[in-house]
Amino acid sequence: MAKPVVVTIPHELGKAEARKRIEEGVGKLIHQFGEGVKLTRTWEGDRLSFAAKVVGQAVAGRLDVAEDAVRMEVDLPPFFAMIADKVKGRLKKEGQLMLEKK
């Protein structure tokens, strides 16, 4: 297993609002990908653990919500590890969009 991709996204929302936006954002992402992605997710306190099947590859990760930042850690299979930098950039961009101050 390759080293996990880690992304930290600062925010000014507070923990409760950040968590709410993440939950809504994950729901939208699932809808965008359609039935091609199978995702399971579980909240334990302020940690969201998730696992997905994407193009036949298993991806898992954790997302910790803090008062001023969200830290995401994603374990990529070797198939995706080759493009880890691109994945990291996309995760950061999508996370920032979810957590933008409105």
Protein backbone atom coordinates (compact mmCIF):
# COMPACT_ATOMS: atom_id res chain seq x y z
CA MET A 1 0.00 0.00 0.00
CA ALA A 2 1.31 3.42 -0.94
CA LYS A 3 1.72 6.26 1.51
CA PRO A 4 -1.64 7.98 2.15
CA VAL A 5 -2.48 11.28 0.50
CA VAL A 6 -2.93 13.91 3.23
CA VAL A 7 -4.71 17.23 2.70
CA THR A 8 -5.39 19.88 5.35
CA ILE A 9 -7.93 22.55 4.53
CA PRO A 10 -8.21 25.54 6.88
CA HIS A 11 -11.64 27.11 7.44
CA GLU A 12 -13.37 29.72 9.57
CA LEU A 13 -16.70 27.93 9.94
CA GLY A 14 -16.43 26.23 13.29
CA LYS A 15 -16.66 22.49 13.72
CA ALA A 16 -20.46 22.07 13.45
CA GLU A 17 -20.86 24.07 10.23
CA ALA A 18 -17.81 22.43 8.62
CA ARG A 19 -19.18 18.98 9.43
CA LYS A 20 -22.62 19.92 8.02
CA ARG A 21 -21.08 21.15 4.77
CA ILE A 22 -18.95 18.04 4.43
CA GLU A 23 -21.97 15.78 4.89
CA GLU A 24 -23.92 17.76 2.26
CA GLY A 25 -20.91 17.86 -0.08
CA VAL A 26 -20.29 14.12 0.12
CA GLY A 27 -23.94 13.54 -0.73
CA LYS A 28 -23.62 15.75 -3.82
CA LEU A 29 -20.42 13.99 -4.91
CA ILE A 30 -22.10 10.60 -4.68
CA HIS A 31 -24.96 11.89 -6.80
CA GLN A 32 -22.52 13.29 -9.41
CA PHE A 33 -20.67 9.99 -9.79
CA GLY A 34 -23.89 8.03 -10.01
CA GLU A 35 -24.04 4.29 -9.53
CA GLY A 36 -20.47 3.79 -10.75
CA VAL A 37 -19.13 4.52 -7.26
CA LYS A 38 -20.11 2.54 -4.20
CA LEU A 39 -19.41 4.53 -1.01
CA THR A 40 -19.85 3.70 2.64
CA ARG A 41 -19.30 6.31 5.32
CA THR A 42 -19.49 6.39 9.10
CA TRP A 43 -19.17 9.29 11.54
CA GLU A 44 -17.55 8.61 14.91
CA GLY A 45 -17.48 11.90 16.78
CA ASP A 46 -15.81 14.37 14.45
CA ARG A 47 -14.15 11.72 12.27
CA LEU A 48 -15.69 10.54 9.03
CA SER A 49 -14.35 7.16 7.89
CA PHE A 50 -15.15 6.18 4.34
CA ALA A 51 -14.53 3.46 1.80
CA ALA A 52 -15.33 3.52 -1.89
CA LYS A 53 -15.03 1.38 -4.98
CA VAL A 54 -13.99 3.45 -7.97
CA VAL A 55 -13.42 1.76 -11.35
CA GLY A 56 -12.96 -1.52 -9.53
CA GLN A 57 -10.37 -0.11 -7.11
CA ALA A 58 -10.86 0.17 -3.33
CA VAL A 59 -10.16 3.56 -1.78
CA ALA A 60 -10.46 4.28 1.95
CA GLY A 61 -9.82 7.24 4.14
CA ARG A 62 -10.49 9.37 7.15
CA LEU A 63 -11.56 12.95 7.54
CA ASP A 64 -11.12 14.77 10.86
CA VAL A 65 -13.10 17.96 11.45
CA ALA A 66 -11.56 20.53 13.80
CA GLU A 67 -12.71 24.01 14.77
CA ASP A 68 -10.43 25.66 12.17
CA ALA A 69 -9.36 22.95 9.72
CA VAL A 70 -10.30 19.66 8.12
CA ARG A 71 -7.62 16.99 7.72
CA MET A 72 -8.24 14.35 5.09
CA GLU A 73 -6.18 11.19 4.72
CA VAL A 74 -6.87 8.91 1.76
CA ASP A 75 -5.32 5.48 1.17
CA LEU A 76 -4.91 4.94 -2.55
CA PRO A 77 -4.41 1.56 -4.20
CA PRO A 78 -1.35 1.19 -6.46
CA PHE A 79 -3.54 1.90 -9.50
CA PHE A 80 -4.24 5.43 -8.24
CA ALA A 81 -0.95 5.97 -6.39
CA MET A 82 0.68 6.84 -9.72
CA ILE A 83 -1.48 9.95 -9.88
CA ALA A 84 -1.40 10.79 -6.16
CA ASP A 85 -0.38 14.42 -6.76
CA LYS A 86 -3.34 14.99 -9.06
CA VAL A 87 -5.66 13.30 -6.58
CA LYS A 88 -4.29 15.47 -3.77
CA GLY A 89 -4.89 18.63 -5.80
CA ARG A 90 -8.44 17.59 -6.63
CA LEU A 91 -9.22 16.71 -3.01
CA LYS A 92 -7.93 20.09 -1.84
CA LYS A 93 -9.92 21.97 -4.48
CA GLU A 94 -13.18 20.11 -3.80
CA GLY A 95 -12.69 20.44 -0.04
CA GLN A 96 -12.11 24.17 -0.30
CA LEU A 97 -15.27 24.57 -2.37
CA MET A 98 -17.28 22.74 0.32
CA LEU A 99 -15.84 24.88 3.10
CA GLU A 100 -15.91 28.31 1.46
CA LYS A 101 -17.39 31.03 3.62
CA LYS A 102 -20.77 32.00 2.15
